[in-house]
């Protein structure tokens, strides 16, 4: 009897892992400007810790196939500054 329960739990775990692997997210990653067209170690992408962190976040989620919006447009930046004030460059949703 216990063997059947263990098998069912293992099956549920495998189904859950497969389901999570198929999930795709729309992510917005704000922060210091990075150039995703250049390699990670390019001076434009490692000038400060914020750039390094943002590039690593972008690279990780991009490699998983998620859709990432970097928020580099001025209208979004203006809206963020109005709403978040001095914290507008540190929003991670």
C-alpha atoms as a PDB file:
ATOM      1  CA  UNK A   1       0.000   0.000   0.000  1.00  0.00           C
ATOM      2  CA  UNK A   2       2.730   2.483   0.899  1.00  0.00           C
ATOM      3  CA  UNK A   3       4.527   1.624  -2.334  1.00  0.00           C
ATOM      4  CA  UNK A   4       1.513   2.827  -4.348  1.00  0.00           C
ATOM      5  CA  UNK A   5       1.399   6.109  -2.414  1.00  0.00           C
ATOM      6  CA  UNK A   6       5.101   6.702  -3.006  1.00  0.00           C
ATOM      7  CA  UNK A   7       4.689   6.035  -6.740  1.00  0.00           C
ATOM      8  CA  UNK A   8       1.760   8.479  -6.907  1.00  0.00           C
ATOM      9  CA  UNK A   9       3.759  11.152  -5.108  1.00  0.00           C
ATOM     10  CA  UNK A  10       6.691  10.627  -7.459  1.00  0.00           C
ATOM     11  CA  UNK A  11       4.368  10.901 -10.458  1.00  0.00           C
ATOM     12  CA  UNK A  12       2.873  14.143  -9.136  1.00  0.00           C
ATOM     13  CA  UNK A  13       6.381  15.539  -8.563  1.00  0.00           C
ATOM     14  CA  UNK A  14       7.390  14.697 -12.141  1.00  0.00           C
ATOM     15  CA  UNK A  15       4.213  16.245 -13.574  1.00  0.00           C
ATOM     16  CA  UNK A  16       4.797  19.382 -11.517  1.00  0.00           C
ATOM     17  CA  UNK A  17       8.408  19.653 -12.704  1.00  0.00           C
ATOM     18  CA  UNK A  18       7.320  19.289 -16.342  1.00  0.00           C
ATOM     19  CA  UNK A  19       4.585  21.858 -15.885  1.00  0.00           C
ATOM     20  CA  UNK A  20       7.011  24.355 -14.351  1.00  0.00           C
ATOM     21  CA  UNK A  21       9.523  23.788 -17.143  1.00  0.00           C
ATOM     22  CA  UNK A  22       6.862  24.772 -19.709  1.00  0.00           C
ATOM     23  CA  UNK A  23       5.846  27.964 -17.916  1.00  0.00           C
ATOM     24  CA  UNK A  24       6.856  31.193 -19.604  1.00  0.00           C
ATOM     25  CA  UNK A  25       6.750  34.507 -17.818  1.00  0.00           C
ATOM     26  CA  UNK A  26       6.580  38.129 -18.890  1.00  0.00           C
ATOM     27  CA  UNK A  27       9.176  39.842 -16.724  1.00  0.00           C
ATOM     28  CA  UNK A  28      10.032  43.481 -16.278  1.00  0.00           C
ATOM     29  CA  UNK A  29      13.553  44.094 -14.992  1.00  0.00           C
ATOM     30  CA  UNK A  30      14.337  47.720 -14.165  1.00  0.00           C
ATOM     31  CA  UNK A  31      17.716  49.024 -13.213  1.00  0.00           C
ATOM     32  CA  UNK A  32      20.929  50.446 -14.542  1.00  0.00           C
ATOM     33  CA  UNK A  33      21.237  50.436 -18.339  1.00  0.00           C
ATOM     34  CA  UNK A  34      22.850  47.339 -19.845  1.00  0.00           C
ATOM     35  CA  UNK A  35      23.488  46.482 -23.460  1.00  0.00           C
ATOM     36  CA  UNK A  36      22.229  42.930 -24.008  1.00  0.00           C
ATOM     37  CA  UNK A  37      23.762  42.989 -27.484  1.00  0.00           C
ATOM     38  CA  UNK A  38      27.195  42.989 -25.885  1.00  0.00           C
ATOM     39  CA  UNK A  39      28.773  40.226 -23.782  1.00  0.00           C
ATOM     40  CA  UNK A  40      28.452  40.194 -20.008  1.00  0.00           C
ATOM     41  CA  UNK A  41      32.058  41.251 -19.417  1.00  0.00           C
ATOM     42  CA  UNK A  42      31.881  44.284 -21.732  1.00  0.00           C
ATOM     43  CA  UNK A  43      32.747  47.519 -19.852  1.00  0.00           C
ATOM     44  CA  UNK A  44      29.243  48.888 -20.551  1.00  0.00           C
ATOM     45  CA  UNK A  45      27.742  45.961 -18.611  1.00  0.00           C
ATOM     46  CA  UNK A  46      30.072  45.752 -15.617  1.00  0.00           C
ATOM     47  CA  UNK A  47      30.580  49.415 -14.723  1.00  0.00           C
ATOM     48  CA  UNK A  48      28.769  48.985 -11.382  1.00  0.00           C
ATOM     49  CA  UNK A  49      27.042  46.332  -9.266  1.00  0.00           C
ATOM     50  CA  UNK A  50      23.585  47.309 -10.521  1.00  0.00           C
ATOM     51  CA  UNK A  51      24.590  46.582 -14.103  1.00  0.00           C
ATOM     52  CA  UNK A  52      26.172  43.265 -13.145  1.00  0.00           C
ATOM     53  CA  UNK A  53      23.074  42.143 -11.222  1.00  0.00           C
ATOM     54  CA  UNK A  54      20.683  43.280 -13.948  1.00  0.00           C
ATOM     55  CA  UNK A  55      22.678  41.523 -16.665  1.00  0.00           C
ATOM     56  CA  UNK A  56      22.786  38.288 -14.663  1.00  0.00           C
ATOM     57  CA  UNK A  57      19.028  38.443 -14.044  1.00  0.00           C
ATOM     58  CA  UNK A  58      18.375  39.097 -17.733  1.00  0.00           C
ATOM     59  CA  UNK A  59      20.730  36.310 -18.824  1.00  0.00           C
ATOM     60  CA  UNK A  60      19.265  33.751 -16.409  1.00  0.00           C
ATOM     61  CA  UNK A  61      15.605  34.307 -17.266  1.00  0.00           C
ATOM     62  CA  UNK A  62      16.334  34.755 -20.966  1.00  0.00           C
ATOM     63  CA  UNK A  63      18.135  31.398 -21.023  1.00  0.00           C
ATOM     64  CA  UNK A  64      14.966  29.796 -19.607  1.00  0.00           C
ATOM     65  CA  UNK A  65      12.940  31.231 -22.488  1.00  0.00           C
ATOM     66  CA  UNK A  66      11.004  33.868 -20.574  1.00  0.00           C
ATOM     67  CA  UNK A  67       9.996  37.149 -22.224  1.00  0.00           C
ATOM     68  CA  UNK A  68      11.895  39.977 -20.595  1.00  0.00           C
ATOM     69  CA  UNK A  69      11.079  43.639 -20.872  1.00  0.00           C
ATOM     70  CA  UNK A  70      14.002  45.832 -19.894  1.00  0.00           C
ATOM     71  CA  UNK A  71      12.012  49.058 -19.652  1.00  0.00           C
ATOM     72  CA  UNK A  72      14.448  51.186 -21.570  1.00  0.00           C
ATOM     73  CA  UNK A  73      11.810  53.508 -22.978  1.00  0.00           C
ATOM     74  CA  UNK A  74      11.552  57.033 -21.644  1.00  0.00           C
ATOM     75  CA  UNK A  75       7.770  56.994 -21.105  1.00  0.00           C
ATOM     76  CA  UNK A  76       7.953  54.004 -18.780  1.00  0.00           C
ATOM     77  CA  UNK A  77      10.904  55.540 -16.956  1.00  0.00           C
ATOM     78  CA  UNK A  78       8.955  58.783 -16.442  1.00  0.00           C
ATOM     79  CA  UNK A  79       5.928  56.890 -15.106  1.00  0.00           C
ATOM     80  CA  UNK A  80       8.157  54.912 -12.757  1.00  0.00           C
ATOM     81  CA  UNK A  81       9.816  58.058 -11.445  1.00  0.00           C
ATOM     82  CA  UNK A  82       6.426  59.660 -10.777  1.00  0.00           C
ATOM     83  CA  UNK A  83       5.132  56.611  -8.932  1.00  0.00           C
ATOM     84  CA  UNK A  84       8.249  55.346  -7.104  1.00  0.00           C
ATOM     85  CA  UNK A  85      10.243  58.572  -6.753  1.00  0.00           C
ATOM     86  CA  UNK A  86      13.865  57.931  -5.754  1.00  0.00           C
ATOM     87  CA  UNK A  87      13.226  54.170  -5.718  1.00  0.00           C
ATOM     88  CA  UNK A  88      12.231  54.099  -9.387  1.00  0.00           C
ATOM     89  CA  UNK A  89      15.548  52.575 -10.409  1.00  0.00           C
ATOM     90  CA  UNK A  90      15.168  49.657  -8.007  1.00  0.00           C
ATOM     91  CA  UNK A  91      11.832  48.147  -9.000  1.00  0.00           C
ATOM     92  CA  UNK A  92      11.790  44.385  -9.602  1.00  0.00           C
ATOM     93  CA  UNK A  93       8.402  42.908 -10.496  1.00  0.00           C
END
